[in-house]
C-alpha atoms as a PDB file:
ATOM      1  CA  MET A   1      14.080  43.725 -10.800  1.00  0.00           C
ATOM      2  CA  THR A   2      12.559  41.742  -7.955  1.00  0.00           C
ATOM      3  CA  ILE A   3      10.351  38.683  -8.501  1.00  0.00           C
ATOM      4  CA  ARG A   4       8.271  37.053  -5.760  1.00  0.00           C
ATOM      5  CA  PHE A   5       6.496  33.748  -6.113  1.00  0.00           C
ATOM      6  CA  ALA A   6       5.076  30.964  -3.972  1.00  0.00           C
ATOM      7  CA  PHE A   7       5.863  27.275  -4.273  1.00  0.00           C
ATOM      8  CA  PHE A   8       3.794  24.607  -2.513  1.00  0.00           C
ATOM      9  CA  THR A   9       3.441  20.906  -3.101  1.00  0.00           C
ATOM     10  CA  ASP A  10       1.852  17.591  -2.066  1.00  0.00           C
ATOM     11  CA  THR A  11      -1.602  18.760  -0.991  1.00  0.00           C
ATOM     12  CA  HIS A  12      -2.885  15.143  -1.246  1.00  0.00           C
ATOM     13  CA  HIS A  13      -6.556  16.056  -1.122  1.00  0.00           C
ATOM     14  CA  PHE A  14      -8.728  13.030  -0.225  1.00  0.00           C
ATOM     15  CA  PRO A  15     -12.393  13.825   0.569  1.00  0.00           C
ATOM     16  CA  GLY A  16     -13.676  11.534   3.304  1.00  0.00           C
ATOM     17  CA  ALA A  17     -10.334   9.775   3.787  1.00  0.00           C
ATOM     18  CA  PRO A  18     -10.815   6.758   6.108  1.00  0.00           C
ATOM     19  CA  HIS A  19      -7.603   7.547   8.010  1.00  0.00           C
ATOM     20  CA  ASP A  20      -4.483   9.678   7.689  1.00  0.00           C
ATOM     21  CA  PHE A  21      -2.130   7.001   6.273  1.00  0.00           C
ATOM     22  CA  GLY A  22       1.625   7.468   6.804  1.00  0.00           C
ATOM     23  CA  ALA A  23       3.052  10.377   8.795  1.00  0.00           C
ATOM     24  CA  PRO A  24       3.212  13.319   8.498  1.00  0.00           C
ATOM     25  CA  LYS A  25       0.127  13.265   6.251  1.00  0.00           C
ATOM     26  CA  MET A  26      -3.233  14.313   7.685  1.00  0.00           C
ATOM     27  CA  LEU A  27      -5.487  13.198   4.858  1.00  0.00           C
ATOM     28  CA  THR A  28      -8.640  13.277   6.989  1.00  0.00           C
ATOM     29  CA  ARG A  29      -8.078  17.042   7.330  1.00  0.00           C
ATOM     30  CA  SER A  30      -7.179  17.907   3.724  1.00  0.00           C
ATOM     31  CA  LYS A  31     -10.283  20.094   3.291  1.00  0.00           C
ATOM     32  CA  GLU A  32      -9.027  22.389   6.072  1.00  0.00           C
ATOM     33  CA  VAL A  33      -5.855  22.986   4.097  1.00  0.00           C
ATOM     34  CA  LEU A  34      -7.690  23.608   0.825  1.00  0.00           C
ATOM     35  CA  ASP A  35     -10.158  25.991   2.447  1.00  0.00           C
ATOM     36  CA  ILE A  36      -7.480  28.301   3.868  1.00  0.00           C
ATOM     37  CA  LEU A  37      -5.044  28.178   0.950  1.00  0.00           C
ATOM     38  CA  PRO A  38      -6.551  30.700  -1.526  1.00  0.00           C
ATOM     39  CA  SER A  39      -6.851  33.497   1.026  1.00  0.00           C
ATOM     40  CA  VAL A  40      -3.305  32.895   2.264  1.00  0.00           C
ATOM     41  CA  ILE A  41      -1.798  32.884  -1.218  1.00  0.00           C
ATOM     42  CA  ASN A  42      -3.860  35.816  -2.450  1.00  0.00           C
ATOM     43  CA  ALA A  43      -2.808  37.888   0.555  1.00  0.00           C
ATOM     44  CA  GLY A  44       0.821  37.340  -0.468  1.00  0.00           C
ATOM     45  CA  ASN A  45       0.323  39.264  -3.726  1.00  0.00           C
ATOM     46  CA  PHE A  46       2.822  37.027  -5.540  1.00  0.00           C
ATOM     47  CA  ASP A  47       3.824  37.365  -9.169  1.00  0.00           C
ATOM     48  CA  PHE A  48       2.916  33.705  -9.737  1.00  0.00           C
ATOM     49  CA  VAL A  49       2.336  30.435  -7.880  1.00  0.00           C
ATOM     50  CA  VAL A  50       3.572  26.888  -8.582  1.00  0.00           C
ATOM     51  CA  HIS A  51       2.252  23.544  -7.264  1.00  0.00           C
ATOM     52  CA  GLY A  52       4.880  20.786  -7.278  1.00  0.00           C
ATOM     53  CA  GLY A  53       2.566  17.779  -7.761  1.00  0.00           C
ATOM     54  CA  ASP A  54       0.493  15.236  -5.830  1.00  0.00           C
ATOM     55  CA  VAL A  55      -2.566  17.437  -5.796  1.00  0.00           C
ATOM     56  CA  VAL A  56      -4.654  14.406  -4.824  1.00  0.00           C
ATOM     57  CA  CYS A  57      -4.317  10.751  -3.772  1.00  0.00           C
ATOM     58  CA  GLY A  58      -4.550   8.610  -6.896  1.00  0.00           C
ATOM     59  CA  GLY A  59      -2.690   5.399  -7.599  1.00  0.00           C
ATOM     60  CA  SER A  60      -2.928   2.377  -5.334  1.00  0.00           C
ATOM     61  CA  SER A  61      -1.283   3.584  -2.115  1.00  0.00           C
ATOM     62  CA  PHE A  62      -4.448   5.124  -0.690  1.00  0.00           C
ATOM     63  CA  ASN A  63      -7.079   2.738  -2.140  1.00  0.00           C
ATOM     64  CA  ILE A  64      -9.229   5.699  -3.115  1.00  0.00           C
ATOM     65  CA  PRO A  65     -12.472   4.843  -4.952  1.00  0.00           C
ATOM     66  CA  ASN A  66     -12.532   6.278  -8.460  1.00  0.00           C
ATOM     67  CA  GLU A  67     -15.614   8.395  -7.805  1.00  0.00           C
ATOM     68  CA  THR A  68     -13.844   9.945  -4.813  1.00  0.00           C
ATOM     69  CA  PHE A  69     -10.729  10.487  -6.909  1.00  0.00           C
ATOM     70  CA  VAL A  70     -12.786  12.392  -9.479  1.00  0.00           C
ATOM     71  CA  ARG A  71     -14.376  14.454  -6.714  1.00  0.00           C
ATOM     72  CA  SER A  72     -10.972  15.237  -5.207  1.00  0.00           C
ATOM     73  CA  LEU A  73      -9.725  16.611  -8.532  1.00  0.00           C
ATOM     74  CA  GLU A  74     -12.850  18.731  -8.950  1.00  0.00           C
ATOM     75  CA  GLU A  75     -12.578  20.169  -5.443  1.00  0.00           C
ATOM     76  CA  ALA A  76      -8.854  20.875  -5.745  1.00  0.00           C
ATOM     77  CA  ALA A  77      -9.279  22.544  -9.152  1.00  0.00           C
ATOM     78  CA  ALA A  78     -12.141  24.689  -7.835  1.00  0.00           C
ATOM     79  CA  THR A  79      -9.959  25.773  -4.916  1.00  0.00           C
ATOM     80  CA  PHE A  80      -6.970  26.701  -7.077  1.00  0.00           C
ATOM     81  CA  GLU A  81      -9.250  28.711  -9.379  1.00  0.00           C
ATOM     82  CA  LYS A  82      -9.789  31.053  -6.423  1.00  0.00           C
ATOM     83  CA  ILE A  83      -6.106  31.958  -6.485  1.00  0.00           C
ATOM     84  CA  THR A  84      -5.966  35.282  -8.292  1.00  0.00           C
ATOM     85  CA  THR A  85      -2.292  35.219  -9.302  1.00  0.00           C
ATOM     86  CA  PRO A  86      -1.131  33.065 -12.271  1.00  0.00           C
ATOM     87  CA  PHE A  87      -1.109  29.417 -11.149  1.00  0.00           C
ATOM     88  CA  TYR A  88       1.025  26.600 -12.596  1.00  0.00           C
ATOM     89  CA  SER A  89       1.449  22.962 -11.638  1.00  0.00           C
ATOM     90  CA  VAL A  90       3.195  19.724 -12.584  1.00  0.00           C
ATOM     91  CA  PRO A  91       1.835  16.177 -12.164  1.00  0.00           C
ATOM     92  CA  GLY A  92       2.859  14.005  -9.222  1.00  0.00           C
ATOM     93  CA  ASN A  93       2.837  10.225  -8.989  1.00  0.00           C
ATOM     94  CA  HIS A  94      -0.429  10.307  -7.009  1.00  0.00           C
ATOM     95  CA  ASP A  95      -2.241  12.453  -9.565  1.00  0.00           C
ATOM     96  CA  CYS A  96      -2.804   9.451 -11.849  1.00  0.00           C
ATOM     97  CA  ASP A  97      -6.231   7.851 -12.149  1.00  0.00           C
ATOM     98  CA  ALA A  98      -7.080   5.610  -9.217  1.00  0.00           C
ATOM     99  CA  ASP A  99      -7.891   2.634 -11.455  1.00  0.00           C
ATOM    100  CA  SER A 100      -6.118   3.013 -14.794  1.00  0.00           C
ATOM    101  CA  TRP A 101      -2.865   4.649 -13.632  1.00  0.00           C
ATOM    102  CA  THR A 102      -3.185   7.207 -16.436  1.00  0.00           C
ATOM    103  CA  TYR A 103      -3.507  10.992 -16.172  1.00  0.00           C
ATOM    104  CA  ASP A 104      -6.680  11.186 -18.260  1.00  0.00           C
ATOM    105  CA  GLN A 105      -8.952  12.471 -15.492  1.00  0.00           C
ATOM    106  CA  TYR A 106      -6.241  14.719 -14.053  1.00  0.00           C
ATOM    107  CA  SER A 107      -5.808  16.318 -17.491  1.00  0.00           C
ATOM    108  CA  GLU A 108      -9.433  17.475 -17.433  1.00  0.00           C
ATOM    109  CA  HIS A 109      -8.472  19.988 -14.730  1.00  0.00           C
ATOM    110  CA  PHE A 110      -4.688  20.453 -14.880  1.00  0.00           C
ATOM    111  CA  SER A 111      -1.987  20.582 -17.553  1.00  0.00           C
ATOM    112  CA  VAL A 112      -0.065  17.324 -17.999  1.00  0.00           C
ATOM    113  CA  HIS A 113       2.913  18.728 -19.998  1.00  0.00           C
ATOM    114  CA  SER A 114       4.245  16.422 -22.703  1.00  0.00           C
ATOM    115  CA  PRO A 115       6.909  16.359 -21.622  1.00  0.00           C
ATOM    116  CA  ILE A 116       7.932  19.982 -20.877  1.00  0.00           C
ATOM    117  CA  THR A 117       5.979  23.230 -21.095  1.00  0.00           C
ATOM    118  CA  LEU A 118       7.755  26.589 -21.083  1.00  0.00           C
ATOM    119  CA  VAL A 119       6.149  29.654 -19.522  1.00  0.00           C
ATOM    120  CA  ASP A 120       7.527  33.190 -19.414  1.00  0.00           C
ATOM    121  CA  VAL A 121       6.645  34.409 -15.918  1.00  0.00           C
ATOM    122  CA  ALA A 122       8.755  37.583 -15.792  1.00  0.00           C
ATOM    123  CA  PRO A 123      11.370  39.408 -17.861  1.00  0.00           C
ATOM    124  CA  GLN A 124      14.378  37.103 -18.266  1.00  0.00           C
ATOM    125  CA  LEU A 125      12.662  34.319 -16.274  1.00  0.00           C
ATOM    126  CA  ARG A 126      11.037  31.191 -17.681  1.00  0.00           C
ATOM    127  CA  LEU A 127       9.556  28.085 -16.064  1.00  0.00           C
ATOM    128  CA  ALA A 128      10.206  24.608 -17.496  1.00  0.00           C
ATOM    129  CA  LEU A 129       7.207  22.657 -16.191  1.00  0.00           C
ATOM    130  CA  THR A 130       8.005  18.956 -16.470  1.00  0.00           C
ATOM    131  CA  ASN A 131       5.913  15.797 -16.364  1.00  0.00           C
ATOM    132  CA  VAL A 132       8.399  13.135 -15.243  1.00  0.00           C
ATOM    133  CA  PHE A 133       5.661  10.505 -15.621  1.00  0.00           C
ATOM    134  CA  TYR A 134       5.263  11.170 -19.337  1.00  0.00           C
ATOM    135  CA  GLU A 135       5.251   7.778 -21.100  1.00  0.00           C
ATOM    136  CA  VAL A 136       6.168   6.105 -17.779  1.00  0.00           C
ATOM    137  CA  ASP A 137       4.392   3.264 -16.018  1.00  0.00           C
ATOM    138  CA  VAL A 138       3.664   5.012 -12.714  1.00  0.00           C
ATOM    139  CA  LYS A 139       2.708   1.692 -11.135  1.00  0.00           C
ATOM    140  CA  GLU A 140       6.237   0.420 -11.738  1.00  0.00           C
ATOM    141  CA  ASN A 141       8.116   3.677 -11.211  1.00  0.00           C
ATOM    142  CA  GLY A 142       6.590   6.069  -8.703  1.00  0.00           C
ATOM    143  CA  SER A 143       9.437   8.577  -8.924  1.00  0.00           C
ATOM    144  CA  GLY A 144       9.367   8.956 -12.683  1.00  0.00           C
ATOM    145  CA  LEU A 145      12.006   8.685 -15.369  1.00  0.00           C
ATOM    146  CA  TRP A 146      14.193  11.217 -17.141  1.00  0.00           C
ATOM    147  CA  THR A 147      13.562  10.135 -20.730  1.00  0.00           C
ATOM    148  CA  ASP A 148      15.240  10.887 -24.056  1.00  0.00           C
ATOM    149  CA  ALA A 149      12.285  13.099 -24.977  1.00  0.00           C
ATOM    150  CA  MET A 150      12.605  15.120 -21.769  1.00  0.00           C
ATOM    151  CA  ASP A 151      16.341  15.498 -22.163  1.00  0.00           C
ATOM    152  CA  GLU A 152      16.084  16.710 -25.750  1.00  0.00           C
ATOM    153  CA  SER A 153      13.231  19.047 -24.856  1.00  0.00           C
ATOM    154  CA  LEU A 154      15.117  20.586 -21.928  1.00  0.00           C
ATOM    155  CA  ARG A 155      18.295  21.056 -23.950  1.00  0.00           C
ATOM    156  CA  GLN A 156      16.339  22.782 -26.717  1.00  0.00           C
ATOM    157  CA  ALA A 157      14.569  24.968 -24.154  1.00  0.00           C
ATOM    158  CA  ALA A 158      17.900  25.872 -22.580  1.00  0.00           C
ATOM    159  CA  ALA A 159      19.376  26.812 -25.951  1.00  0.00           C
ATOM    160  CA  ARG A 160      16.463  29.167 -26.633  1.00  0.00           C
ATOM    161  CA  ALA A 161      16.683  30.628 -23.140  1.00  0.00           C
ATOM    162  CA  SER A 162      20.389  31.339 -23.592  1.00  0.00           C
ATOM    163  CA  GLN A 163      19.672  33.154 -26.852  1.00  0.00           C
ATOM    164  CA  ASP A 164      16.999  35.181 -25.073  1.00  0.00           C
ATOM    165  CA  GLN A 165      19.303  35.887 -22.087  1.00  0.00           C
ATOM    166  CA  CYS A 166      16.672  34.233 -19.919  1.00  0.00           C
ATOM    167  CA  ALA A 167      17.049  32.159 -16.746  1.00  0.00           C
ATOM    168  CA  LEU A 168      15.240  28.825 -16.540  1.00  0.00           C
ATOM    169  CA  ILE A 169      13.619  27.339 -13.437  1.00  0.00           C
ATOM    170  CA  LEU A 170      13.079  23.578 -13.796  1.00  0.00           C
ATOM    171  CA  ILE A 171       9.951  22.332 -11.984  1.00  0.00           C
ATOM    172  CA  LEU A 172       9.399  18.605 -11.482  1.00  0.00           C
ATOM    173  CA  HIS A 173       7.856  16.434  -8.802  1.00  0.00           C
ATOM    174  CA  SER A 174      10.665  14.026  -7.911  1.00  0.00           C
ATOM    175  CA  TRP A 175      14.050  14.630  -6.326  1.00  0.00           C
ATOM    176  CA  ILE A 176      17.128  14.916  -8.532  1.00  0.00           C
ATOM    177  CA  LEU A 177      19.764  14.654  -5.775  1.00  0.00           C
ATOM    178  CA  PRO A 178      20.147  11.599  -3.516  1.00  0.00           C
ATOM    179  CA  SER A 179      19.866  11.956   0.242  1.00  0.00           C
ATOM    180  CA  GLY A 180      21.417  10.282   3.256  1.00  0.00           C
ATOM    181  CA  ASP A 181      18.967   7.394   2.969  1.00  0.00           C
ATOM    182  CA  GLY A 182      19.951   6.607  -0.607  1.00  0.00           C
ATOM    183  CA  ASN A 183      17.889   6.925  -3.760  1.00  0.00           C
ATOM    184  CA  ILE A 184      14.420   7.002  -2.203  1.00  0.00           C
ATOM    185  CA  GLY A 185      12.245   9.387  -4.210  1.00  0.00           C
ATOM    186  CA  LEU A 186      14.997   9.952  -6.768  1.00  0.00           C
ATOM    187  CA  ILE A 187      13.983  10.215 -10.407  1.00  0.00           C
ATOM    188  CA  SER A 188      15.382   7.411 -12.551  1.00  0.00           C
ATOM    189  CA  LYS A 189      18.276   8.575 -14.754  1.00  0.00           C
ATOM    190  CA  ALA A 190      18.919  11.414 -12.297  1.00  0.00           C
ATOM    191  CA  LYS A 191      22.606  11.424 -13.179  1.00  0.00           C
ATOM    192  CA  ARG A 192      21.764  12.131 -16.822  1.00  0.00           C
ATOM    193  CA  LEU A 193      19.438  14.955 -15.815  1.00  0.00           C
ATOM    194  CA  ARG A 194      22.113  16.505 -13.614  1.00  0.00           C
ATOM    195  CA  GLN A 195      24.572  16.332 -16.501  1.00  0.00           C
ATOM    196  CA  THR A 196      22.104  18.134 -18.748  1.00  0.00           C
ATOM    197  CA  ILE A 197      21.647  20.840 -16.125  1.00  0.00           C
ATOM    198  CA  GLU A 198      25.433  21.053 -15.847  1.00  0.00           C
ATOM    199  CA  ASP A 199      25.690  21.540 -19.614  1.00  0.00           C
ATOM    200  CA  CYS A 200      22.992  24.242 -19.702  1.00  0.00           C
ATOM    201  CA  PRO A 201      24.099  27.251 -17.627  1.00  0.00           C
ATOM    202  CA  CYS A 202      20.814  29.092 -18.049  1.00  0.00           C
ATOM    203  CA  ILE A 203      19.129  26.536 -15.726  1.00  0.00           C
ATOM    204  CA  SER A 204      19.536  28.332 -12.409  1.00  0.00           C
ATOM    205  CA  MET A 205      17.119  26.534 -10.081  1.00  0.00           C
ATOM    206  CA  VAL A 206      15.309  23.219  -9.710  1.00  0.00           C
ATOM    207  CA  PHE A 207      12.175  22.901  -7.549  1.00  0.00           C
ATOM    208  CA  THR A 208      10.775  19.535  -6.381  1.00  0.00           C
ATOM    209  CA  GLY A 209       8.361  18.008  -3.863  1.00  0.00           C
ATOM    210  CA  HIS A 210       7.590  14.287  -3.485  1.00  0.00           C
ATOM    211  CA  ARG A 211       9.460  13.352  -0.294  1.00  0.00           C
ATOM    212  CA  HIS A 212       7.709  15.792   2.047  1.00  0.00           C
ATOM    213  CA  MET A 213      10.999  17.261   3.326  1.00  0.00           C
ATOM    214  CA  ASN A 214      12.572  20.699   3.175  1.00  0.00           C
ATOM    215  CA  ARG A 215      16.081  20.740   1.748  1.00  0.00           C
ATOM    216  CA  ILE A 216      18.073  23.375  -0.126  1.00  0.00           C
ATOM    217  CA  THR A 217      21.291  22.390  -1.884  1.00  0.00           C
ATOM    218  CA  ALA A 218      23.754  24.655  -3.638  1.00  0.00           C
ATOM    219  CA  HIS A 219      24.815  22.123  -6.270  1.00  0.00           C
ATOM    220  CA  ASN A 220      27.783  23.490  -8.197  1.00  0.00           C
ATOM    221  CA  ASP A 221      26.559  26.881  -9.459  1.00  0.00           C
ATOM    222  CA  TYR A 222      22.800  26.256  -9.378  1.00  0.00           C
ATOM    223  CA  LEU A 223      20.278  25.652  -6.601  1.00  0.00           C
ATOM    224  CA  VAL A 224      18.057  22.625  -5.866  1.00  0.00           C
ATOM    225  CA  ILE A 225      15.060  23.410  -3.665  1.00  0.00           C
ATOM    226  CA  ASP A 226      13.132  20.451  -2.226  1.00  0.00           C
ATOM    227  CA  THR A 227       9.958  21.371  -0.348  1.00  0.00           C
ATOM    228  CA  ALA A 228       7.895  19.718   2.401  1.00  0.00           C
ATOM    229  CA  CYS A 229       4.272  18.734   1.918  1.00  0.00           C
ATOM    230  CA  LEU A 230       1.309  20.999   2.571  1.00  0.00           C
ATOM    231  CA  ILE A 231      -0.788  18.199   4.081  1.00  0.00           C
ATOM    232  CA  GLY A 232       1.423  17.490   7.100  1.00  0.00           C
ATOM    233  CA  PHE A 233       4.080  18.872   9.394  1.00  0.00           C
ATOM    234  CA  PRO A 234       5.501  21.491   8.958  1.00  0.00           C
ATOM    235  CA  LEU A 235       2.408  22.302   6.857  1.00  0.00           C
ATOM    236  CA  GLY A 236       3.573  25.232   4.814  1.00  0.00           C
ATOM    237  CA  TYR A 237       4.737  26.755   1.557  1.00  0.00           C
ATOM    238  CA  ARG A 238       7.742  28.677   0.269  1.00  0.00           C
ATOM    239  CA  GLU A 239       7.890  32.350  -0.497  1.00  0.00           C
ATOM    240  CA  VAL A 240      10.718  32.937  -2.979  1.00  0.00           C
ATOM    241  CA  ILE A 241      12.278  36.284  -3.814  1.00  0.00           C
ATOM    242  CA  LEU A 242      14.695  36.664  -6.720  1.00  0.00           C
ATOM    243  CA  SER A 243      16.656  39.918  -6.943  1.00  0.00           C
ATOM    244  CA  GLU A 244      18.352  41.476  -9.930  1.00  0.00           C
ATOM    245  CA  ASN A 245      21.789  40.853  -8.395  1.00  0.00           C
ATOM    246  CA  GLY A 246      21.124  37.106  -8.644  1.00  0.00           C
ATOM    247  CA  SER A 247      20.261  36.535  -4.996  1.00  0.00           C
ATOM    248  CA  PHE A 248      17.717  33.933  -3.899  1.00  0.00           C
ATOM    249  CA  THR A 249      15.757  34.433  -0.680  1.00  0.00           C
ATOM    250  CA  THR A 250      13.197  31.999   0.680  1.00  0.00           C
ATOM    251  CA  HIS A 251      10.924  31.969   3.716  1.00  0.00           C
ATOM    252  CA  PHE A 252       8.957  28.851   4.628  1.00  0.00           C
ATOM    253  CA  HIS A 253       5.554  29.952   5.934  1.00  0.00           C
ATOM    254  CA  THR A 254       3.405  27.583   7.981  1.00  0.00           C
ATOM    255  CA  LEU A 255      -0.349  27.815   7.581  1.00  0.00           C
ATOM    256  CA  LYS A 256      -2.286  29.301  10.488  1.00  0.00           C
ATOM    257  CA  LEU A 257      -3.717  25.940  11.466  1.00  0.00           C
ATOM    258  CA  PRO A 258      -1.978  25.371  14.824  1.00  0.00           C
ATOM    259  CA  LYS A 259      -4.154  22.448  15.946  1.00  0.00           C
ATOM    260  CA  LEU A 260      -3.644  20.617  12.662  1.00  0.00           C
ATOM    261  CA  ILE A 261       0.111  21.263  12.748  1.00  0.00           C
ATOM    262  CA  GLN A 262       0.355  19.942  16.294  1.00  0.00           C
ATOM    263  CA  ASP A 263      -1.722  16.857  15.478  1.00  0.00           C
ATOM    264  CA  SER A 264       0.595  16.088  12.580  1.00  0.00           C
ATOM    265  CA  ARG A 265       3.674  16.764  14.716  1.00  0.00           C
ATOM    266  CA  ASN A 266       2.402  14.276  17.279  1.00  0.00           C
ATOM    267  CA  ARG A 267       2.451  11.488  14.694  1.00  0.00           C
ATOM    268  CA  SER A 268       6.258  11.537  14.412  1.00  0.00           C
ATOM    269  CA  THR A 269       9.214  11.596  16.759  1.00  0.00           C
ATOM    270  CA  ASP A 270      11.164  14.814  17.293  1.00  0.00           C
ATOM    271  CA  THR A 271      13.941  13.395  15.126  1.00  0.00           C
ATOM    272  CA  GLU A 272      11.527  12.610  12.304  1.00  0.00           C
ATOM    273  CA  ASN A 273       9.895  16.042  12.557  1.00  0.00           C
ATOM    274  CA  ARG A 274      13.287  17.719  12.241  1.00  0.00           C
ATOM    275  CA  ILE A 275      13.750  15.788   8.995  1.00  0.00           C
ATOM    276  CA  TRP A 276      10.348  16.893   7.652  1.00  0.00           C
ATOM    277  CA  GLU A 277      10.962  20.577   8.383  1.00  0.00           C
ATOM    278  CA  GLY A 278      14.671  20.557   7.546  1.00  0.00           C
ATOM    279  CA  LYS A 279      17.357  22.737   9.047  1.00  0.00           C
ATOM    280  CA  LEU A 280      16.723  26.437   9.487  1.00  0.00           C
ATOM    281  CA  SER A 281      18.768  27.079   6.337  1.00  0.00           C
ATOM    282  CA  ASP A 282      16.445  24.676   4.443  1.00  0.00           C
ATOM    283  CA  ARG A 283      13.475  26.865   5.362  1.00  0.00           C
ATOM    284  CA  ASN A 284      14.745  30.422   5.535  1.00  0.00           C
ATOM    285  CA  THR A 285      17.863  31.478   3.691  1.00  0.00           C
ATOM    286  CA  LYS A 286      19.437  34.000   1.371  1.00  0.00           C
ATOM    287  CA  ILE A 287      22.049  32.878  -1.111  1.00  0.00           C
ATOM    288  CA  ALA A 288      23.571  34.093  -4.358  1.00  0.00           C
ATOM    289  CA  ILE A 289      22.999  31.902  -7.414  1.00  0.00           C
ATOM    290  CA  PRO A 290      26.034  32.371  -9.701  1.00  0.00           C
ATOM    291  CA  ARG A 291      24.152  31.317 -12.824  1.00  0.00           C
ATOM    292  CA  LEU A 292      21.257  33.674 -12.172  1.00  0.00           C
ATOM    293  CA  LYS A 293      23.586  36.582 -11.434  1.00  0.00           C
ATOM    294  CA  LYS A 294      25.558  35.968 -14.617  1.00  0.00           C
ATOM    295  CA  ILE A 295      22.466  35.784 -16.855  1.00  0.00           C
ATOM    296  CA  TRP A 296      20.730  38.803 -15.403  1.00  0.00           C
ATOM    297  CA  THR A 297      23.897  40.883 -15.214  1.00  0.00           C
ATOM    298  CA  GLU A 298      24.727  40.169 -18.846  1.00  0.00           C
ATOM    299  CA  SER A 299      21.163  40.966 -19.915  1.00  0.00           C
ATOM    300  CA  THR A 300      21.478  44.487 -18.501  1.00  0.00           C
ATOM    301  CA  ASP A 301      24.933  45.258 -19.934  1.00  0.00           C
END
């Protein structure tokens, strides 16, 4: 059994953006990214596709007018409808309404998950799509909160997955592991979430976006995959291949927009750009996931 899927995140679509805001974002060029994305993804012939959040630029950081926010959601949704493979997404902190800080308008086009939605995407493989801003004041907590409801829901999902001899992939917007610069972008109550993952051996992988950096961490016997944004350097998405022996292979593909990539690169120093793109092993790697191997091996015995 081989499963191939694509993961991309932080498209930050902003029609008519007045400027690009903080590096590496290129918000004035977001339409270029949207226009090329469906053909690129469709050509990959993936089994499914996942968006890691921040489809658009809501909230207060970008001062987007509400009518533009509504338009951005409509344009993004219309673009993703052109993707022919099954498409899934989770909310990001900038997907909330530009004025009310709720996800009401976002929910007209995308699933909000309350708090976790389970999807069977392949034999013995299930996604746990998580809204870490469920019942959270996004204005006060832009990285979300791991709540009692989420914890109970994930533990119940893991128990069912174990009974079904099924591996779980947890998808959420915010980081669950701290970085060298501290807890920036880290979900609140991250330690509790990590303990729950530790207690639930069917959870084999965690995918996040949010901080616009590539990073892959083998944390104990599962894998945490953080992915750079699609709206700035290195301007790409992940191809992920899961093999029946429990191996995980990923290739980070940059979009064929060389001028846009260079313009974004020019906004940061070489040191900063190396952080955005991550080490080579954060972009392209092959590694065995002990949990995945154990679940899939046992399911075929």
